[in-house]
Amino acid sequence: MPRYFFHTHVGADVVADPVGTDLRDPDAAWTTARDTIRTMMAEPRNQARLMGAILVVADAEGEVILEFPFAEAMAGPGDDSVH
């Protein structure tokens, strides 16, 4: 099973994910990224600071699989059929 790493970019700052998560495919990584962002944004004190952040998902080789803006995760519907 592939391992994906979820790195949070807030302006020039990067919070790296050194461990990663084993997921079946890029679709599962997309869903995990969306859910991670929504969990982080559930805390009211994070909302203003993180609205411009991006969650960058990379594979084990460091190849970027997707870049998910926090604002996009908050704007979309709850289903994961549109990505």
PDB file of N, CA and C in Angstrom:
ATOM      1  N   MET A   1       0.854  -1.178   0.000  1.00  0.00           N
ATOM      2  CA  MET A   1       0.000   0.000   0.000  1.00  0.00           C
ATOM      3  C   MET A   1       0.899   1.240   0.000  1.00  0.00           C
ATOM      4  N   PRO A   2       0.609   2.210  -0.859  1.00  0.00           N
ATOM      5  CA  PRO A   2       1.448   3.417  -0.931  1.00  0.00           C
ATOM      6  C   PRO A   2       1.334   4.270   0.337  1.00  0.00           C
ATOM      7  N   ARG A   3       2.406   4.977   0.623  1.00  0.00           N
ATOM      8  CA  ARG A   3       2.443   5.900   1.762  1.00  0.00           C
ATOM      9  C   ARG A   3       2.399   7.323   1.229  1.00  0.00           C
ATOM     10  N   TYR A   4       1.548   8.139   1.843  1.00  0.00           N
ATOM     11  CA  TYR A   4       1.387   9.544   1.462  1.00  0.00           C
ATOM     12  C   TYR A   4       1.738  10.430   2.652  1.00  0.00           C
ATOM     13  N   PHE A   5       2.353  11.569   2.342  1.00  0.00           N
ATOM     14  CA  PHE A   5       2.785  12.523   3.355  1.00  0.00           C
ATOM     15  C   PHE A   5       2.011  13.814   3.163  1.00  0.00           C
ATOM     16  N   PHE A   6       1.495  14.369   4.257  1.00  0.00           N
ATOM     17  CA  PHE A   6       0.617  15.536   4.234  1.00  0.00           C
ATOM     18  C   PHE A   6       1.352  16.717   4.872  1.00  0.00           C
ATOM     19  N   HIS A   7       1.897  17.599   4.036  1.00  0.00           N
ATOM     20  CA  HIS A   7       2.685  18.739   4.497  1.00  0.00           C
ATOM     21  C   HIS A   7       1.826  20.000   4.442  1.00  0.00           C
ATOM     22  N   THR A   8       1.767  20.722   5.555  1.00  0.00           N
ATOM     23  CA  THR A   8       0.961  21.936   5.627  1.00  0.00           C
ATOM     24  C   THR A   8       1.843  23.146   5.337  1.00  0.00           C
ATOM     25  N   HIS A   9       1.437  23.930   4.345  1.00  0.00           N
ATOM     26  CA  HIS A   9       2.152  25.151   3.955  1.00  0.00           C
ATOM     27  C   HIS A   9       1.293  26.348   4.354  1.00  0.00           C
ATOM     28  N   VAL A  10       1.828  27.163   5.257  1.00  0.00           N
ATOM     29  CA  VAL A  10       1.147  28.380   5.700  1.00  0.00           C
ATOM     30  C   VAL A  10       2.095  29.526   5.380  1.00  0.00           C
ATOM     31  N   GLY A  11       1.829  30.206   4.289  1.00  0.00           N
ATOM     32  CA  GLY A  11       2.757  31.248   3.834  1.00  0.00           C
ATOM     33  C   GLY A  11       4.108  30.609   3.538  1.00  0.00           C
ATOM     34  N   ALA A  12       5.174  31.156   4.132  1.00  0.00           N
ATOM     35  CA  ALA A  12       6.523  30.623   3.927  1.00  0.00           C
ATOM     36  C   ALA A  12       6.842  29.481   4.883  1.00  0.00           C
ATOM     37  N   ASP A  13       5.971  29.213   5.843  1.00  0.00           N
ATOM     38  CA  ASP A  13       6.207  28.157   6.831  1.00  0.00           C
ATOM     39  C   ASP A  13       5.669  26.820   6.333  1.00  0.00           C
ATOM     40  N   VAL A  14       6.414  25.756   6.644  1.00  0.00           N
ATOM     41  CA  VAL A  14       5.995  24.410   6.274  1.00  0.00           C
ATOM     42  C   VAL A  14       6.035  23.523   7.515  1.00  0.00           C
ATOM     43  N   VAL A  15       4.921  22.845   7.765  1.00  0.00           N
ATOM     44  CA  VAL A  15       4.874  21.836   8.812  1.00  0.00           C
ATOM     45  C   VAL A  15       4.891  20.494   8.095  1.00  0.00           C
ATOM     46  N   ALA A  16       6.051  19.838   8.139  1.00  0.00           N
ATOM     47  CA  ALA A  16       6.234  18.582   7.399  1.00  0.00           C
ATOM     48  C   ALA A  16       5.632  17.404   8.151  1.00  0.00           C
ATOM     49  N   ASP A  17       5.174  16.451   7.402  1.00  0.00           N
ATOM     50  CA  ASP A  17       4.663  15.184   7.931  1.00  0.00           C
ATOM     51  C   ASP A  17       5.781  14.150   7.753  1.00  0.00           C
ATOM     52  N   PRO A  18       6.543  13.846   8.806  1.00  0.00           N
ATOM     53  CA  PRO A  18       7.673  12.929   8.663  1.00  0.00           C
ATOM     54  C   PRO A  18       7.274  11.449   8.640  1.00  0.00           C
ATOM     55  N   VAL A  19       6.037  11.127   9.040  1.00  0.00           N
ATOM     56  CA  VAL A  19       5.618   9.736   9.171  1.00  0.00           C
ATOM     57  C   VAL A  19       4.801   9.258   7.978  1.00  0.00           C
ATOM     58  N   GLY A  20       3.847  10.057   7.555  1.00  0.00           N
ATOM     59  CA  GLY A  20       2.988   9.667   6.438  1.00  0.00           C
ATOM     60  C   GLY A  20       1.899   8.703   6.859  1.00  0.00           C
ATOM     61  N   THR A  21       1.060   8.361   5.879  1.00  0.00           N
ATOM     62  CA  THR A  21      -0.076   7.476   6.101  1.00  0.00           C
ATOM     63  C   THR A  21      -0.194   6.524   4.918  1.00  0.00           C
ATOM     64  N   ASP A  22      -0.375   5.246   5.201  1.00  0.00           N
ATOM     65  CA  ASP A  22      -0.582   4.252   4.149  1.00  0.00           C
ATOM     66  C   ASP A  22      -2.039   4.328   3.688  1.00  0.00           C
ATOM     67  N   LEU A  23      -2.212   4.545   2.384  1.00  0.00           N
ATOM     68  CA  LEU A  23      -3.552   4.641   1.800  1.00  0.00           C
ATOM     69  C   LEU A  23      -3.581   3.876   0.485  1.00  0.00           C
ATOM     70  N   ARG A  24      -4.745   3.476   0.046  1.00  0.00           N
ATOM     71  CA  ARG A  24      -4.856   2.608  -1.129  1.00  0.00           C
ATOM     72  C   ARG A  24      -4.487   3.284  -2.444  1.00  0.00           C
ATOM     73  N   ASP A  25      -4.790   4.620  -2.571  1.00  0.00           N
ATOM     74  CA  ASP A  25      -4.563   5.282  -3.854  1.00  0.00           C
ATOM     75  C   ASP A  25      -4.677   6.799  -3.692  1.00  0.00           C
ATOM     76  N   PRO A  26      -4.417   7.564  -4.772  1.00  0.00           N
ATOM     77  CA  PRO A  26      -4.525   9.022  -4.685  1.00  0.00           C
ATOM     78  C   PRO A  26      -5.926   9.523  -4.318  1.00  0.00           C
ATOM     79  N   ASP A  27      -6.966   8.793  -4.697  1.00  0.00           N
ATOM     80  CA  ASP A  27      -8.318   9.198  -4.304  1.00  0.00           C
ATOM     81  C   ASP A  27      -8.477   9.162  -2.786  1.00  0.00           C
ATOM     82  N   ALA A  28      -7.944   8.139  -2.161  1.00  0.00           N
ATOM     83  CA  ALA A  28      -8.000   8.053  -0.702  1.00  0.00           C
ATOM     84  C   ALA A  28      -7.161   9.165  -0.070  1.00  0.00           C
ATOM     85  N   ALA A  29      -6.051   9.526  -0.710  1.00  0.00           N
ATOM     86  CA  ALA A  29      -5.225  10.637  -0.216  1.00  0.00           C
ATOM     87  C   ALA A  29      -5.998  11.946  -0.306  1.00  0.00           C
ATOM     88  N   TRP A  30      -6.745  12.151  -1.392  1.00  0.00           N
ATOM     89  CA  TRP A  30      -7.558  13.356  -1.549  1.00  0.00           C
ATOM     90  C   TRP A  30      -8.596  13.450  -0.429  1.00  0.00           C
ATOM     91  N   THR A  31      -9.289  12.349  -0.170  1.00  0.00           N
ATOM     92  CA  THR A  31     -10.306  12.318   0.880  1.00  0.00           C
ATOM     93  C   THR A  31      -9.681  12.574   2.240  1.00  0.00           C
ATOM     94  N   THR A  32      -8.532  11.969   2.494  1.00  0.00           N
ATOM     95  CA  THR A  32      -7.838  12.174   3.765  1.00  0.00           C
ATOM     96  C   THR A  32      -7.394  13.619   3.906  1.00  0.00           C
ATOM     97  N   ALA A  33      -6.904  14.226   2.830  1.00  0.00           N
ATOM     98  CA  ALA A  33      -6.490  15.632   2.862  1.00  0.00           C
ATOM     99  C   ALA A  33      -7.682  16.520   3.194  1.00  0.00           C
ATOM    100  N   ARG A  34      -8.796  16.307   2.518  1.00  0.00           N
ATOM    101  CA  ARG A  34      -9.999  17.105   2.782  1.00  0.00           C
ATOM    102  C   ARG A  34     -10.446  16.962   4.226  1.00  0.00           C
ATOM    103  N   ASP A  35     -10.482  15.737   4.725  1.00  0.00           N
ATOM    104  CA  ASP A  35     -10.922  15.500   6.100  1.00  0.00           C
ATOM    105  C   ASP A  35      -9.949  16.104   7.113  1.00  0.00           C
ATOM    106  N   THR A  36      -8.664  16.033   6.821  1.00  0.00           N
ATOM    107  CA  THR A  36      -7.647  16.621   7.695  1.00  0.00           C
ATOM    108  C   THR A  36      -7.829  18.128   7.780  1.00  0.00           C
ATOM    109  N   ILE A  37      -8.024  18.761   6.636  1.00  0.00           N
ATOM    110  CA  ILE A  37      -8.231  20.215   6.606  1.00  0.00           C
ATOM    111  C   ILE A  37      -9.483  20.580   7.387  1.00  0.00           C
ATOM    112  N   ARG A  38     -10.555  19.882   7.165  1.00  0.00           N
ATOM    113  CA  ARG A  38     -11.808  20.202   7.860  1.00  0.00           C
ATOM    114  C   ARG A  38     -11.666  20.022   9.364  1.00  0.00           C
ATOM    115  N   THR A  39     -10.910  19.029   9.794  1.00  0.00           N
ATOM    116  CA  THR A  39     -10.668  18.838  11.221  1.00  0.00           C
ATOM    117  C   THR A  39      -9.860  20.000  11.786  1.00  0.00           C
ATOM    118  N   MET A  40      -8.820  20.408  11.067  1.00  0.00           N
ATOM    119  CA  MET A  40      -7.998  21.528  11.521  1.00  0.00           C
ATOM    120  C   MET A  40      -8.808  22.823  11.576  1.00  0.00           C
ATOM    121  N   MET A  41      -9.706  23.013  10.622  1.00  0.00           N
ATOM    122  CA  MET A  41     -10.486  24.237  10.546  1.00  0.00           C
ATOM    123  C   MET A  41     -11.671  24.232  11.515  1.00  0.00           C
ATOM    124  N   ALA A  42     -11.967  23.108  12.129  1.00  0.00           N
ATOM    125  CA  ALA A  42     -13.060  23.043  13.096  1.00  0.00           C
ATOM    126  C   ALA A  42     -12.736  23.853  14.351  1.00  0.00           C
ATOM    127  N   GLU A  43     -11.470  24.055  14.616  1.00  0.00           N
ATOM    128  CA  GLU A  43     -11.035  24.862  15.757  1.00  0.00           C
ATOM    129  C   GLU A  43     -11.129  26.336  15.359  1.00  0.00           C
ATOM    130  N   PRO A  44     -12.044  27.102  15.972  1.00  0.00           N
ATOM    131  CA  PRO A  44     -12.245  28.499  15.559  1.00  0.00           C
ATOM    132  C   PRO A  44     -10.972  29.352  15.542  1.00  0.00           C
ATOM    133  N   ARG A  45     -10.051  29.117  16.455  1.00  0.00           N
ATOM    134  CA  ARG A  45      -8.836  29.948  16.485  1.00  0.00           C
ATOM    135  C   ARG A  45      -7.919  29.689  15.288  1.00  0.00           C
ATOM    136  N   ASN A  46      -8.116  28.583  14.577  1.00  0.00           N
ATOM    137  CA  ASN A  46      -7.303  28.265  13.397  1.00  0.00           C
ATOM    138  C   ASN A  46      -7.854  28.865  12.107  1.00  0.00           C
ATOM    139  N   GLN A  47      -9.117  29.200  12.086  1.00  0.00           N
ATOM    140  CA  GLN A  47      -9.800  29.527  10.838  1.00  0.00           C
ATOM    141  C   GLN A  47      -9.167  30.684  10.068  1.00  0.00           C
ATOM    142  N   ALA A  48      -8.943  31.802  10.702  1.00  0.00           N
ATOM    143  CA  ALA A  48      -8.386  32.961   9.988  1.00  0.00           C
ATOM    144  C   ALA A  48      -6.948  32.687   9.550  1.00  0.00           C
ATOM    145  N   ARG A  49      -6.177  32.059  10.410  1.00  0.00           N
ATOM    146  CA  ARG A  49      -4.757  31.815  10.128  1.00  0.00           C
ATOM    147  C   ARG A  49      -4.570  30.785   9.014  1.00  0.00           C
ATOM    148  N   LEU A  50      -5.431  29.794   8.951  1.00  0.00           N
ATOM    149  CA  LEU A  50      -5.231  28.696   8.000  1.00  0.00           C
ATOM    150  C   LEU A  50      -6.025  28.820   6.705  1.00  0.00           C
ATOM    151  N   MET A  51      -6.900  29.798   6.589  1.00  0.00           N
ATOM    152  CA  MET A  51      -7.728  29.896   5.379  1.00  0.00           C
ATOM    153  C   MET A  51      -6.872  30.018   4.111  1.00  0.00           C
ATOM    154  N   GLY A  52      -5.679  30.588   4.200  1.00  0.00           N
ATOM    155  CA  GLY A  52      -4.795  30.701   3.037  1.00  0.00           C
ATOM    156  C   GLY A  52      -3.777  29.587   2.934  1.00  0.00           C
ATOM    157  N   ALA A  53      -3.864  28.588   3.826  1.00  0.00           N
ATOM    158  CA  ALA A  53      -2.895  27.490   3.836  1.00  0.00           C
ATOM    159  C   ALA A  53      -3.186  26.480   2.729  1.00  0.00           C
ATOM    160  N   ILE A  54      -2.195  25.647   2.447  1.00  0.00           N
ATOM    161  CA  ILE A  54      -2.322  24.581   1.450  1.00  0.00           C
ATOM    162  C   ILE A  54      -1.784  23.294   2.057  1.00  0.00           C
ATOM    163  N   LEU A  55      -2.491  22.201   1.867  1.00  0.00           N
ATOM    164  CA  LEU A  55      -2.012  20.888   2.276  1.00  0.00           C
ATOM    165  C   LEU A  55      -1.426  20.223   1.031  1.00  0.00           C
ATOM    166  N   VAL A  56      -0.131  19.997   1.048  1.00  0.00           N
ATOM    167  CA  VAL A  56       0.564  19.376  -0.084  1.00  0.00           C
ATOM    168  C   VAL A  56       0.740  17.902   0.239  1.00  0.00           C
ATOM    169  N   VAL A  57       0.239  17.051  -0.639  1.00  0.00           N
ATOM    170  CA  VAL A  57       0.335  15.603  -0.452  1.00  0.00           C
ATOM    171  C   VAL A  57       1.398  15.065  -1.399  1.00  0.00           C
ATOM    172  N   ALA A  58       2.362  14.348  -0.827  1.00  0.00           N
ATOM    173  CA  ALA A  58       3.458  13.770  -1.612  1.00  0.00           C
ATOM    174  C   ALA A  58       3.525  12.266  -1.375  1.00  0.00           C
ATOM    175  N   ASP A  59       4.069  11.556  -2.360  1.00  0.00           N
ATOM    176  CA  ASP A  59       4.254  10.120  -2.188  1.00  0.00           C
ATOM    177  C   ASP A  59       5.599   9.845  -1.515  1.00  0.00           C
ATOM    178  N   ALA A  60       5.934   8.583  -1.354  1.00  0.00           N
ATOM    179  CA  ALA A  60       7.162   8.196  -0.648  1.00  0.00           C
ATOM    180  C   ALA A  60       8.429   8.671  -1.351  1.00  0.00           C
ATOM    181  N   GLU A  61       8.361   8.923  -2.665  1.00  0.00           N
ATOM    182  CA  GLU A  61       9.515   9.420  -3.415  1.00  0.00           C
ATOM    183  C   GLU A  61       9.623  10.937  -3.362  1.00  0.00           C
ATOM    184  N   GLY A  62       8.641  11.594  -2.717  1.00  0.00           N
ATOM    185  CA  GLY A  62       8.636  13.047  -2.623  1.00  0.00           C
ATOM    186  C   GLY A  62       7.920  13.729  -3.769  1.00  0.00           C
ATOM    187  N   GLU A  63       7.326  12.949  -4.653  1.00  0.00           N
ATOM    188  CA  GLU A  63       6.567  13.498  -5.781  1.00  0.00           C
ATOM    189  C   GLU A  63       5.238  14.060  -5.276  1.00  0.00           C
ATOM    190  N   VAL A  64       4.935  15.307  -5.638  1.00  0.00           N
ATOM    191  CA  VAL A  64       3.679  15.918  -5.209  1.00  0.00           C
ATOM    192  C   VAL A  64       2.523  15.273  -5.962  1.00  0.00           C
ATOM    193  N   ILE A  65       1.580  14.754  -5.206  1.00  0.00           N
ATOM    194  CA  ILE A  65       0.400  14.097  -5.766  1.00  0.00           C
ATOM    195  C   ILE A  65      -0.722  15.111  -5.941  1.00  0.00           C
ATOM    196  N   LEU A  66      -0.871  16.004  -4.957  1.00  0.00           N
ATOM    197  CA  LEU A  66      -1.890  17.041  -5.050  1.00  0.00           C
ATOM    198  C   LEU A  66      -1.585  18.166  -4.077  1.00  0.00           C
ATOM    199  N   GLU A  67      -2.116  19.322  -4.402  1.00  0.00           N
ATOM    200  CA  GLU A  67      -2.056  20.492  -3.531  1.00  0.00           C
ATOM    201  C   GLU A  67      -3.494  20.892  -3.248  1.00  0.00           C
ATOM    202  N   PHE A  68      -3.875  20.889  -1.976  1.00  0.00           N
ATOM    203  CA  PHE A  68      -5.256  21.110  -1.591  1.00  0.00           C
ATOM    204  C   PHE A  68      -5.354  22.382  -0.750  1.00  0.00           C
ATOM    205  N   PRO A  69      -5.855  23.487  -1.334  1.00  0.00           N
ATOM    206  CA  PRO A  69      -6.028  24.721  -0.560  1.00  0.00           C
ATOM    207  C   PRO A  69      -7.084  24.534   0.535  1.00  0.00           C
ATOM    208  N   PHE A  70      -6.791  25.032   1.715  1.00  0.00           N
ATOM    209  CA  PHE A  70      -7.731  24.925   2.828  1.00  0.00           C
ATOM    210  C   PHE A  70      -9.069  25.555   2.462  1.00  0.00           C
ATOM    211  N   ALA A  71      -9.051  26.710   1.810  1.00  0.00           N
ATOM    212  CA  ALA A  71     -10.290  27.401   1.451  1.00  0.00           C
ATOM    213  C   ALA A  71     -11.166  26.524   0.553  1.00  0.00           C
ATOM    214  N   GLU A  72     -10.554  25.757  -0.331  1.00  0.00           N
ATOM    215  CA  GLU A  72     -11.306  24.876  -1.230  1.00  0.00           C
ATOM    216  C   GLU A  72     -11.988  23.753  -0.454  1.00  0.00           C
ATOM    217  N   ALA A  73     -11.309  23.214   0.530  1.00  0.00           N
ATOM    218  CA  ALA A  73     -11.886  22.130   1.334  1.00  0.00           C
ATOM    219  C   ALA A  73     -13.081  22.613   2.129  1.00  0.00           C
ATOM    220  N   MET A  74     -13.067  23.883   2.516  1.00  0.00           N
ATOM    221  CA  MET A  74     -14.163  24.431   3.311  1.00  0.00           C
ATOM    222  C   MET A  74     -15.331  24.859   2.434  1.00  0.00           C
ATOM    223  N   ALA A  75     -15.087  25.153   1.169  1.00  0.00           N
ATOM    224  CA  ALA A  75     -16.127  25.669   0.288  1.00  0.00           C
ATOM    225  C   ALA A  75     -16.975  24.575  -0.336  1.00  0.00           C
ATOM    226  N   GLY A  76     -16.406  23.369  -0.500  1.00  0.00           N
ATOM    227  CA  GLY A  76     -17.088  22.306  -1.236  1.00  0.00           C
ATOM    228  C   GLY A  76     -18.119  21.568  -0.428  1.00  0.00           C
ATOM    229  N   PRO A  77     -18.935  20.778  -1.123  1.00  0.00           N
ATOM    230  CA  PRO A  77     -19.937  19.953  -0.448  1.00  0.00           C
ATOM    231  C   PRO A  77     -19.272  18.815   0.324  1.00  0.00           C
ATOM    232  N   GLY A  78     -20.024  18.126   1.130  1.00  0.00           N
ATOM    233  CA  GLY A  78     -19.487  17.069   1.984  1.00  0.00           C
ATOM    234  C   GLY A  78     -19.088  15.799   1.254  1.00  0.00           C
ATOM    235  N   ASP A  79     -19.592  15.570   0.049  1.00  0.00           N
ATOM    236  CA  ASP A  79     -19.233  14.318  -0.628  1.00  0.00           C
ATOM    237  C   ASP A  79     -17.872  14.441  -1.304  1.00  0.00           C
ATOM    238  N   ASP A  80     -17.290  13.316  -1.641  1.00  0.00           N
ATOM    239  CA  ASP A  80     -15.977  13.329  -2.262  1.00  0.00           C
ATOM    240  C   ASP A  80     -16.041  12.904  -3.729  1.00  0.00           C
ATOM    241  N   SER A  81     -17.162  13.158  -4.366  1.00  0.00           N
ATOM    242  CA  SER A  81     -17.289  12.771  -5.763  1.00  0.00           C
ATOM    243  C   SER A  81     -16.751  13.817  -6.725  1.00  0.00           C
ATOM    244  N   VAL A  82     -16.458  15.017  -6.243  1.00  0.00           N
ATOM    245  CA  VAL A  82     -15.964  16.089  -7.108  1.00  0.00           C
ATOM    246  C   VAL A  82     -14.527  16.416  -6.729  1.00  0.00           C
ATOM    247  N   HIS A  83     -13.574  15.884  -7.484  1.00  0.00           N
ATOM    248  CA  HIS A  83     -12.155  16.196  -7.265  1.00  0.00           C
ATOM    249  C   HIS A  83     -11.318  15.831  -8.429  1.00  0.00           C
TER     250      HIS A  83
END
